[in-house]
Amino acid sequence: MVKFAAEIFGFLVIIVVIYRYIVPPLRKAMTARQATIGSEFDEARKAKEDAEAAETKYKKSIGRAEQEAAQLRDSARAQSEQILEELGAKAHQEAERIAERGRQQLAAERDRLVRELRTEMGTLAVDLASKIVHDFLADEARRGATVDRFLDDLDRRGSEQPAPVSAST
């Protein structure tokens, strides 16, 4: 039994030594490890919350960006339509201005041609009349016939009108 009591005493001494010198550092290490794990768990939870908040913020910013893009697209479309209308109006005005200038040029050209034609026709008429008179006067028989006809006309007119009373009679 002494051997048994010595074994129990040795066992109790080992337990006291373990409990006194090994358990406190182990307990301290375990507490520190639990605290580290707890803080890591808290950090992970906080990181998860931050990630969720960032994702929510990201989705909101994406939504705002899509709205802004839609507004910009609509604004650009409206501006392009306005620019097209302005360009169309300017093109129409320019076409009208060019057409009016063309009409004015055509009218001026027509007037110039009419003047030239009148001048040319006048010259041709004078030349033709001159040739006719020259040919007419060059022919002796025609000239005599014209003089006779003139005199006959005068006689006819004289016989139709009463003779003027002269002061010498």
N, C-alpha and C. Protein backbone atom coordinates (compact mmCIF):
# COMPACT_ATOMS: atom_id res chain seq x y z
N MET A 1 0.76 -1.14 0.00
CA MET A 1 0.00 0.00 0.00
C MET A 1 0.84 1.26 0.00
N VAL A 2 1.92 1.19 0.57
CA VAL A 2 2.80 2.34 0.60
C VAL A 2 3.18 2.67 -0.85
N LYS A 3 3.36 1.68 -1.56
CA LYS A 3 3.70 1.93 -2.96
C LYS A 3 2.52 2.61 -3.64
N PHE A 4 1.34 2.17 -3.30
CA PHE A 4 0.16 2.76 -3.88
C PHE A 4 0.02 4.19 -3.41
N ALA A 5 0.27 4.46 -2.14
CA ALA A 5 0.16 5.80 -1.58
C ALA A 5 1.23 6.67 -2.18
N ALA A 6 2.42 6.12 -2.41
CA ALA A 6 3.50 6.91 -3.02
C ALA A 6 3.14 7.24 -4.44
N GLU A 7 2.50 6.33 -5.12
CA GLU A 7 2.09 6.58 -6.51
C GLU A 7 0.99 7.66 -6.53
N ILE A 8 0.08 7.58 -5.60
CA ILE A 8 -0.98 8.58 -5.54
C ILE A 8 -0.36 9.91 -5.18
N PHE A 9 0.56 9.92 -4.19
CA PHE A 9 1.20 11.17 -3.82
C PHE A 9 1.97 11.74 -5.02
N GLY A 10 2.70 10.94 -5.74
CA GLY A 10 3.46 11.40 -6.92
C GLY A 10 2.49 11.92 -7.99
N PHE A 11 1.35 11.21 -8.11
CA PHE A 11 0.35 11.63 -9.08
C PHE A 11 -0.23 12.98 -8.69
N LEU A 12 -0.51 13.18 -7.40
CA LEU A 12 -1.06 14.43 -6.92
C LEU A 12 -0.04 15.56 -7.08
N VAL A 13 1.22 15.27 -6.85
CA VAL A 13 2.26 16.28 -7.02
C VAL A 13 2.32 16.68 -8.50
N ILE A 14 2.24 15.73 -9.39
CA ILE A 14 2.29 16.02 -10.84
C ILE A 14 1.06 16.86 -11.21
N ILE A 15 -0.09 16.51 -10.63
CA ILE A 15 -1.31 17.26 -10.94
C ILE A 15 -1.17 18.68 -10.41
N VAL A 16 -0.68 18.87 -9.20
CA VAL A 16 -0.52 20.21 -8.63
C VAL A 16 0.47 21.01 -9.47
N VAL A 17 1.58 20.39 -9.85
CA VAL A 17 2.60 21.09 -10.65
C VAL A 17 1.97 21.47 -12.01
N ILE A 18 1.26 20.54 -12.60
CA ILE A 18 0.62 20.83 -13.90
C ILE A 18 -0.40 21.94 -13.69
N TYR A 19 -1.22 21.81 -12.62
CA TYR A 19 -2.25 22.79 -12.39
C TYR A 19 -1.65 24.14 -12.03
N ARG A 20 -0.54 24.15 -11.33
CA ARG A 20 0.04 25.40 -10.87
C ARG A 20 0.92 26.05 -11.93
N TYR A 21 1.68 25.30 -12.68
CA TYR A 21 2.66 25.89 -13.60
C TYR A 21 2.33 25.72 -15.09
N ILE A 22 1.57 24.74 -15.43
CA ILE A 22 1.30 24.51 -16.86
C ILE A 22 -0.09 25.03 -17.23
N VAL A 23 -1.08 24.83 -16.38
CA VAL A 23 -2.46 25.22 -16.72
C VAL A 23 -2.59 26.75 -16.87
N PRO A 24 -2.02 27.59 -15.94
CA PRO A 24 -2.21 29.04 -16.14
C PRO A 24 -1.64 29.55 -17.47
N PRO A 25 -0.41 29.15 -17.87
CA PRO A 25 0.03 29.64 -19.18
C PRO A 25 -0.83 29.08 -20.32
N LEU A 26 -1.26 27.80 -20.17
CA LEU A 26 -2.13 27.24 -21.20
C LEU A 26 -3.47 27.97 -21.24
N ARG A 27 -4.00 28.24 -20.05
CA ARG A 27 -5.27 28.95 -19.97
C ARG A 27 -5.10 30.36 -20.55
N LYS A 28 -3.97 31.00 -20.21
CA LYS A 28 -3.70 32.33 -20.73
C LYS A 28 -3.56 32.28 -22.26
N ALA A 29 -2.85 31.27 -22.77
CA ALA A 29 -2.67 31.11 -24.21
C ALA A 29 -4.01 30.83 -24.87
N MET A 30 -4.84 29.98 -24.22
CA MET A 30 -6.15 29.67 -24.77
C MET A 30 -7.05 30.91 -24.77
N THR A 31 -6.99 31.68 -23.68
CA THR A 31 -7.80 32.90 -23.60
C THR A 31 -7.35 33.88 -24.69
N ALA A 32 -6.01 33.99 -24.83
CA ALA A 32 -5.49 34.89 -25.87
C ALA A 32 -5.91 34.39 -27.25
N ARG A 33 -5.84 33.10 -27.45
CA ARG A 33 -6.23 32.51 -28.74
C ARG A 33 -7.72 32.72 -28.97
N GLN A 34 -8.55 32.51 -27.93
CA GLN A 34 -9.98 32.74 -28.06
C GLN A 34 -10.26 34.22 -28.37
N ALA A 35 -9.52 35.09 -27.69
CA ALA A 35 -9.70 36.53 -27.96
C ALA A 35 -9.30 36.85 -29.40
N THR A 36 -8.18 36.25 -29.85
CA THR A 36 -7.73 36.46 -31.23
C THR A 36 -8.77 35.94 -32.21
N ILE A 37 -9.27 34.72 -31.94
CA ILE A 37 -10.28 34.14 -32.81
C ILE A 37 -11.55 35.00 -32.78
N GLY A 38 -11.93 35.47 -31.60
CA GLY A 38 -13.12 36.33 -31.47
C GLY A 38 -12.94 37.64 -32.24
N SER A 39 -11.73 38.23 -32.09
CA SER A 39 -11.50 39.48 -32.81
C SER A 39 -11.45 39.24 -34.32
N GLU A 40 -10.86 38.10 -34.71
CA GLU A 40 -10.85 37.76 -36.14
C GLU A 40 -12.27 37.51 -36.65
N PHE A 41 -13.08 36.86 -35.80
CA PHE A 41 -14.47 36.63 -36.16
C PHE A 41 -15.22 37.96 -36.28
N ASP A 42 -14.96 38.86 -35.32
CA ASP A 42 -15.58 40.19 -35.38
C ASP A 42 -15.12 40.96 -36.62
N GLU A 43 -13.82 40.86 -36.90
CA GLU A 43 -13.28 41.53 -38.09
C GLU A 43 -13.90 40.94 -39.36
N ALA A 44 -14.08 39.61 -39.37
CA ALA A 44 -14.69 38.97 -40.52
C ALA A 44 -16.14 39.42 -40.68
N ARG A 45 -16.86 39.49 -39.53
CA ARG A 45 -18.24 39.97 -39.58
C ARG A 45 -18.28 41.43 -40.06
N LYS A 46 -17.36 42.25 -39.52
CA LYS A 46 -17.29 43.65 -39.93
C LYS A 46 -16.93 43.75 -41.41
N ALA A 47 -15.98 42.93 -41.85
CA ALA A 47 -15.60 42.93 -43.27
C ALA A 47 -16.79 42.51 -44.14
N LYS A 48 -17.56 41.53 -43.66
CA LYS A 48 -18.74 41.09 -44.40
C LYS A 48 -19.75 42.24 -44.47
N GLU A 49 -19.98 42.93 -43.35
CA GLU A 49 -20.91 44.05 -43.33
C GLU A 49 -20.41 45.17 -44.26
N ASP A 50 -19.09 45.44 -44.17
CA ASP A 50 -18.50 46.46 -45.06
C ASP A 50 -18.66 46.07 -46.52
N ALA A 51 -18.45 44.78 -46.80
CA ALA A 51 -18.60 44.30 -48.18
C ALA A 51 -20.05 44.45 -48.64
N GLU A 52 -21.00 44.10 -47.74
CA GLU A 52 -22.41 44.26 -48.09
C GLU A 52 -22.76 45.72 -48.30
N ALA A 53 -22.23 46.59 -47.42
CA ALA A 53 -22.48 48.03 -47.57
C ALA A 53 -21.86 48.54 -48.88
N ALA A 54 -20.64 48.08 -49.17
CA ALA A 54 -19.98 48.49 -50.40
C ALA A 54 -20.76 47.98 -51.61
N GLU A 55 -21.28 46.76 -51.52
CA GLU A 55 -22.07 46.22 -52.62
C GLU A 55 -23.35 47.03 -52.82
N THR A 56 -24.00 47.39 -51.71
CA THR A 56 -25.21 48.21 -51.79
C THR A 56 -24.88 49.57 -52.40
N LYS A 57 -23.78 50.15 -51.91
CA LYS A 57 -23.34 51.45 -52.45
C LYS A 57 -22.99 51.33 -53.94
N TYR A 58 -22.34 50.23 -54.29
CA TYR A 58 -21.97 49.98 -55.69
C TYR A 58 -23.23 49.87 -56.56
N LYS A 59 -24.22 49.11 -56.07
CA LYS A 59 -25.46 48.95 -56.83
C LYS A 59 -26.18 50.28 -56.99
N LYS A 60 -26.19 51.09 -55.90
CA LYS A 60 -26.81 52.41 -55.99
C LYS A 60 -26.07 53.29 -56.99
N SER A 61 -24.74 53.26 -56.92
CA SER A 61 -23.96 54.10 -57.85
C SER A 61 -24.14 53.61 -59.29
N ILE A 62 -24.25 52.30 -59.48
CA ILE A 62 -24.51 51.76 -60.82
C ILE A 62 -25.88 52.24 -61.30
N GLY A 63 -26.87 52.20 -60.41
CA GLY A 63 -28.21 52.68 -60.76
C GLY A 63 -28.18 54.15 -61.12
N ARG A 64 -27.47 54.96 -60.31
CA ARG A 64 -27.36 56.38 -60.62
C ARG A 64 -26.62 56.59 -61.94
N ALA A 65 -25.56 55.82 -62.14
CA ALA A 65 -24.80 55.95 -63.39
C ALA A 65 -25.66 55.58 -64.59
N GLU A 66 -26.47 54.55 -64.45
CA GLU A 66 -27.38 54.16 -65.54
C GLU A 66 -28.41 55.26 -65.80
N GLN A 67 -28.94 55.86 -64.71
CA GLN A 67 -29.89 56.96 -64.88
C GLN A 67 -29.22 58.15 -65.55
N GLU A 68 -28.01 58.50 -65.10
CA GLU A 68 -27.28 59.61 -65.71
C GLU A 68 -26.97 59.31 -67.17
N ALA A 69 -26.59 58.06 -67.44
CA ALA A 69 -26.31 57.69 -68.84
C ALA A 69 -27.57 57.81 -69.68
N ALA A 70 -28.70 57.39 -69.13
CA ALA A 70 -29.96 57.51 -69.86
C ALA A 70 -30.31 58.98 -70.09
N GLN A 71 -30.10 59.81 -69.05
CA GLN A 71 -30.36 61.25 -69.20
C GLN A 71 -29.43 61.86 -70.23
N LEU A 72 -28.14 61.49 -70.17
CA LEU A 72 -27.18 62.01 -71.14
C LEU A 72 -27.55 61.55 -72.55
N ARG A 73 -27.97 60.30 -72.68
CA ARG A 73 -28.37 59.78 -73.98
C ARG A 73 -29.58 60.54 -74.52
N ASP A 74 -30.57 60.75 -73.63
CA ASP A 74 -31.76 61.50 -74.04
C ASP A 74 -31.40 62.94 -74.39
N SER A 75 -30.55 63.54 -73.57
CA SER A 75 -30.12 64.92 -73.83
C SER A 75 -29.35 65.00 -75.14
N ALA A 76 -28.46 64.04 -75.37
CA ALA A 76 -27.70 64.03 -76.62
C ALA A 76 -28.63 63.82 -77.81
N ARG A 77 -29.60 62.95 -77.66
CA ARG A 77 -30.57 62.71 -78.74
C ARG A 77 -31.35 63.99 -79.03
N ALA A 78 -31.80 64.67 -77.97
CA ALA A 78 -32.55 65.92 -78.15
C ALA A 78 -31.67 66.98 -78.80
N GLN A 79 -30.42 67.07 -78.35
CA GLN A 79 -29.50 68.05 -78.94
C GLN A 79 -29.23 67.72 -80.39
N SER A 80 -29.06 66.43 -80.71
CA SER A 80 -28.80 66.06 -82.10
C SER A 80 -30.00 66.38 -82.98
N GLU A 81 -31.23 66.15 -82.46
CA GLU A 81 -32.43 66.49 -83.22
C GLU A 81 -32.52 68.00 -83.43
N GLN A 82 -32.19 68.76 -82.38
CA GLN A 82 -32.21 70.21 -82.49
C GLN A 82 -31.17 70.68 -83.50
N ILE A 83 -29.98 70.10 -83.45
CA ILE A 83 -28.92 70.47 -84.38
C ILE A 83 -29.34 70.12 -85.81
N LEU A 84 -29.95 68.94 -85.98
CA LEU A 84 -30.43 68.55 -87.31
C LEU A 84 -31.49 69.52 -87.82
N GLU A 85 -32.40 69.94 -86.94
CA GLU A 85 -33.42 70.90 -87.34
C GLU A 85 -32.78 72.22 -87.73
N GLU A 86 -31.81 72.68 -86.91
CA GLU A 86 -31.13 73.94 -87.21
C GLU A 86 -30.38 73.84 -88.53
N LEU A 87 -29.69 72.72 -88.73
CA LEU A 87 -28.95 72.53 -89.97
C LEU A 87 -29.90 72.46 -91.17
N GLY A 88 -31.04 71.80 -90.97
CA GLY A 88 -32.04 71.74 -92.04
C GLY A 88 -32.56 73.13 -92.37
N ALA A 89 -32.85 73.91 -91.32
CA ALA A 89 -33.35 75.28 -91.55
C ALA A 89 -32.28 76.12 -92.25
N LYS A 90 -31.03 75.98 -91.79
CA LYS A 90 -29.93 76.73 -92.44
C LYS A 90 -29.76 76.30 -93.88
N ALA A 91 -29.84 75.00 -94.12
CA ALA A 91 -29.70 74.49 -95.49
C ALA A 91 -30.84 75.01 -96.36
N HIS A 92 -32.06 75.03 -95.80
CA HIS A 92 -33.21 75.54 -96.55
C HIS A 92 -33.02 77.02 -96.86
N GLN A 93 -32.56 77.79 -95.86
CA GLN A 93 -32.31 79.21 -96.08
C GLN A 93 -31.23 79.41 -97.13
N GLU A 94 -30.18 78.62 -97.03
CA GLU A 94 -29.08 78.73 -98.00
C GLU A 94 -29.57 78.37 -99.40
N ALA A 95 -30.40 77.33 -99.49
CA ALA A 95 -30.95 76.94 -100.80
C ALA A 95 -31.84 78.05 -101.35
N GLU A 96 -32.64 78.65 -100.48
CA GLU A 96 -33.49 79.75 -100.92
C GLU A 96 -32.64 80.94 -101.37
N ARG A 97 -31.59 81.23 -100.62
CA ARG A 97 -30.70 82.34 -100.98
C ARG A 97 -30.03 82.07 -102.32
N ILE A 98 -29.57 80.84 -102.52
CA ILE A 98 -28.92 80.48 -103.78
C ILE A 98 -29.92 80.54 -104.92
N ALA A 99 -31.14 80.04 -104.67
CA ALA A 99 -32.17 80.07 -105.71
C ALA A 99 -32.53 81.52 -106.06
N GLU A 100 -32.66 82.37 -105.05
CA GLU A 100 -32.98 83.77 -105.30
C GLU A 100 -31.86 84.44 -106.08
N ARG A 101 -30.62 84.16 -105.70
CA ARG A 101 -29.49 84.72 -106.44
C ARG A 101 -29.50 84.21 -107.88
N GLY A 102 -29.85 82.95 -108.07
CA GLY A 102 -29.96 82.39 -109.42
C GLY A 102 -31.06 83.08 -110.22
N ARG A 103 -32.22 83.30 -109.55
CA ARG A 103 -33.32 84.00 -110.24
C ARG A 103 -32.88 85.42 -110.63
N GLN A 104 -32.18 86.08 -109.71
CA GLN A 104 -31.71 87.44 -110.02
C GLN A 104 -30.72 87.42 -111.17
N GLN A 105 -29.82 86.45 -111.16
CA GLN A 105 -28.85 86.34 -112.25
C GLN A 105 -29.55 86.03 -113.57
N LEU A 106 -30.57 85.16 -113.51
CA LEU A 106 -31.31 84.84 -114.73
C LEU A 106 -32.05 86.07 -115.26
N ALA A 107 -32.66 86.83 -114.34
CA ALA A 107 -33.38 88.04 -114.76
C ALA A 107 -32.41 89.04 -115.36
N ALA A 108 -31.25 89.22 -114.73
CA ALA A 108 -30.25 90.15 -115.25
C ALA A 108 -29.75 89.68 -116.62
N GLU A 109 -29.52 88.38 -116.74
CA GLU A 109 -29.05 87.82 -118.02
C GLU A 109 -30.12 87.99 -119.09
N ARG A 110 -31.40 87.76 -118.73
CA ARG A 110 -32.50 87.93 -119.67
C ARG A 110 -32.59 89.38 -120.12
N ASP A 111 -32.49 90.30 -119.15
CA ASP A 111 -32.54 91.73 -119.50
C ASP A 111 -31.38 92.10 -120.43
N ARG A 112 -30.21 91.59 -120.14
CA ARG A 112 -29.03 91.87 -120.97
C ARG A 112 -29.25 91.32 -122.38
N LEU A 113 -29.77 90.09 -122.47
CA LEU A 113 -30.02 89.48 -123.78
C LEU A 113 -31.09 90.26 -124.55
N VAL A 114 -32.14 90.71 -123.84
CA VAL A 114 -33.19 91.49 -124.50
C VAL A 114 -32.59 92.78 -125.06
N ARG A 115 -31.76 93.45 -124.26
CA ARG A 115 -31.11 94.68 -124.74
C ARG A 115 -30.24 94.40 -125.95
N GLU A 116 -29.46 93.33 -125.87
CA GLU A 116 -28.60 92.98 -127.00
C GLU A 116 -29.44 92.67 -128.24
N LEU A 117 -30.55 91.90 -128.05
CA LEU A 117 -31.40 91.57 -129.18
C LEU A 117 -32.05 92.82 -129.78
N ARG A 118 -32.51 93.73 -128.93
CA ARG A 118 -33.11 94.96 -129.43
C ARG A 118 -32.09 95.78 -130.21
N THR A 119 -30.89 95.87 -129.64
CA THR A 119 -29.84 96.62 -130.33
C THR A 119 -29.53 95.97 -131.66
N GLU A 120 -29.40 94.65 -131.65
CA GLU A 120 -29.08 93.93 -132.88
C GLU A 120 -30.23 94.03 -133.87
N MET A 121 -31.49 93.90 -133.36
CA MET A 121 -32.63 94.00 -134.25
C MET A 121 -32.74 95.41 -134.84
N GLY A 122 -32.46 96.42 -134.00
CA GLY A 122 -32.48 97.80 -134.50
C GLY A 122 -31.45 97.99 -135.59
N THR A 123 -30.26 97.46 -135.33
CA THR A 123 -29.19 97.58 -136.33
C THR A 123 -29.59 96.85 -137.60
N LEU A 124 -30.14 95.64 -137.45
CA LEU A 124 -30.55 94.86 -138.61
C LEU A 124 -31.70 95.55 -139.35
N ALA A 125 -32.64 96.13 -138.57
CA ALA A 125 -33.77 96.82 -139.20
C ALA A 125 -33.29 98.03 -140.00
N VAL A 126 -32.36 98.79 -139.41
CA VAL A 126 -31.82 99.96 -140.11
C VAL A 126 -31.07 99.51 -141.36
N ASP A 127 -30.25 98.45 -141.20
CA ASP A 127 -29.50 97.94 -142.35
C ASP A 127 -30.46 97.47 -143.44
N LEU A 128 -31.51 96.74 -143.04
CA LEU A 128 -32.47 96.22 -144.00
C LEU A 128 -33.23 97.37 -144.67
N ALA A 129 -33.66 98.34 -143.85
CA ALA A 129 -34.38 99.48 -144.43
C ALA A 129 -33.47 100.24 -145.38
N SER A 130 -32.22 100.38 -145.01
CA SER A 130 -31.27 101.08 -145.85
C SER A 130 -31.09 100.32 -147.17
N LYS A 131 -31.01 99.00 -147.10
CA LYS A 131 -30.87 98.20 -148.32
C LYS A 131 -32.12 98.31 -149.17
N ILE A 132 -33.30 98.25 -148.52
CA ILE A 132 -34.56 98.34 -149.26
C ILE A 132 -34.66 99.69 -149.95
N VAL A 133 -34.37 100.77 -149.19
CA VAL A 133 -34.45 102.12 -149.77
C VAL A 133 -33.43 102.24 -150.89
N HIS A 134 -32.24 101.75 -150.67
CA HIS A 134 -31.18 101.84 -151.69
C HIS A 134 -31.60 101.08 -152.94
N ASP A 135 -32.11 99.82 -152.73
CA ASP A 135 -32.55 99.04 -153.88
C ASP A 135 -33.74 99.72 -154.58
N PHE A 136 -34.61 100.29 -153.77
CA PHE A 136 -35.80 100.92 -154.31
C PHE A 136 -35.43 102.15 -155.13
N LEU A 137 -34.52 102.93 -154.60
CA LEU A 137 -34.12 104.14 -155.31
C LEU A 137 -33.20 103.84 -156.48
N ALA A 138 -32.53 102.73 -156.44
CA ALA A 138 -31.62 102.37 -157.52
C ALA A 138 -32.40 101.96 -158.76
N ASP A 139 -33.58 101.46 -158.59
CA ASP A 139 -34.38 101.02 -159.73
C ASP A 139 -35.18 102.22 -160.24
N GLU A 140 -34.90 102.63 -161.47
CA GLU A 140 -35.52 103.82 -162.09
C GLU A 140 -37.02 103.62 -162.26
N ALA A 141 -37.45 102.49 -162.69
CA ALA A 141 -38.86 102.24 -162.94
C ALA A 141 -39.64 102.30 -161.63
N ARG A 142 -39.11 101.77 -160.60
CA ARG A 142 -39.77 101.77 -159.31
C ARG A 142 -39.87 103.21 -158.81
N ARG A 143 -38.78 103.95 -158.98
CA ARG A 143 -38.77 105.31 -158.49
C ARG A 143 -39.84 106.11 -159.23
N GLY A 144 -39.94 105.96 -160.52
CA GLY A 144 -40.95 106.66 -161.31
C GLY A 144 -42.34 106.24 -160.90
N ALA A 145 -42.54 104.94 -160.64
CA ALA A 145 -43.86 104.45 -160.25
C ALA A 145 -44.22 105.01 -158.89
N THR A 146 -43.27 105.13 -158.02
CA THR A 146 -43.55 105.66 -156.68
C THR A 146 -43.91 107.13 -156.78
N VAL A 147 -43.21 107.89 -157.61
CA VAL A 147 -43.50 109.31 -157.76
C VAL A 147 -44.89 109.47 -158.38
N ASP A 148 -45.20 108.68 -159.40
CA ASP A 148 -46.52 108.74 -160.03
C ASP A 148 -47.61 108.41 -159.04
N ARG A 149 -47.39 107.38 -158.24
CA ARG A 149 -48.38 106.98 -157.24
C ARG A 149 -48.57 108.10 -156.23
N PHE A 150 -47.51 108.76 -155.81
CA PHE A 150 -47.58 109.86 -154.86
C PHE A 150 -48.39 111.00 -155.45
N LEU A 151 -48.13 111.30 -156.68
CA LEU A 151 -48.84 112.40 -157.34
C LEU A 151 -50.32 112.04 -157.51
N ASP A 152 -50.60 110.81 -157.83
CA ASP A 152 -52.00 110.37 -157.96
C ASP A 152 -52.71 110.49 -156.61
N ASP A 153 -52.03 110.13 -155.57
CA ASP A 153 -52.60 110.26 -154.22
C ASP A 153 -52.91 111.71 -153.92
N LEU A 154 -52.00 112.58 -154.29
CA LEU A 154 -52.21 114.01 -154.04
C LEU A 154 -53.41 114.52 -154.84
N ASP A 155 -53.52 114.07 -156.06
CA ASP A 155 -54.64 114.50 -156.89
C ASP A 155 -55.96 114.03 -156.29
N ARG A 156 -56.00 112.82 -155.85
CA ARG A 156 -57.22 112.28 -155.25
C ARG A 156 -57.57 113.05 -154.00
N ARG A 157 -56.64 113.32 -153.22
CA ARG A 157 -56.89 114.06 -151.98
C ARG A 157 -57.31 115.49 -152.30
N GLY A 158 -56.71 116.03 -153.31
CA GLY A 158 -57.04 117.40 -153.70
C GLY A 158 -58.45 117.49 -154.21
N SER A 159 -58.91 116.51 -154.93
CA SER A 159 -60.25 116.54 -155.48
C SER A 159 -61.26 116.28 -154.38
N GLU A 160 -60.92 115.61 -153.35
CA GLU A 160 -61.85 115.33 -152.25
C GLU A 160 -61.99 116.55 -151.38
N GLN A 161 -60.99 117.37 -151.23
CA GLN A 161 -61.05 118.53 -150.37
C GLN A 161 -61.31 119.77 -151.23
N PRO A 162 -62.08 120.72 -150.72
CA PRO A 162 -62.30 121.94 -151.49
C PRO A 162 -61.00 122.70 -151.62
N ALA A 163 -60.87 123.32 -152.67
CA ALA A 163 -59.64 124.06 -152.93
C ALA A 163 -59.60 125.28 -152.05
N PRO A 164 -58.49 125.60 -151.55
CA PRO A 164 -58.40 126.75 -150.66
C PRO A 164 -58.58 128.05 -151.48
N VAL A 165 -59.20 128.98 -150.85
CA VAL A 165 -59.45 130.28 -151.51
C VAL A 165 -58.19 131.09 -151.35
N SER A 166 -57.71 131.59 -152.46
CA SER A 166 -56.48 132.37 -152.36
C SER A 166 -56.83 133.85 -152.26
N ALA A 167 -56.01 134.63 -151.70
CA ALA A 167 -56.23 136.04 -151.43
C ALA A 167 -55.98 136.88 -152.68
N SER A 168 -55.35 136.36 -153.69
CA SER A 168 -55.02 137.13 -154.86
C SER A 168 -56.18 137.19 -155.85
N THR A 169 -57.12 136.38 -155.80
CA THR A 169 -58.23 136.41 -156.74
C THR A 169 -59.24 137.38 -156.42
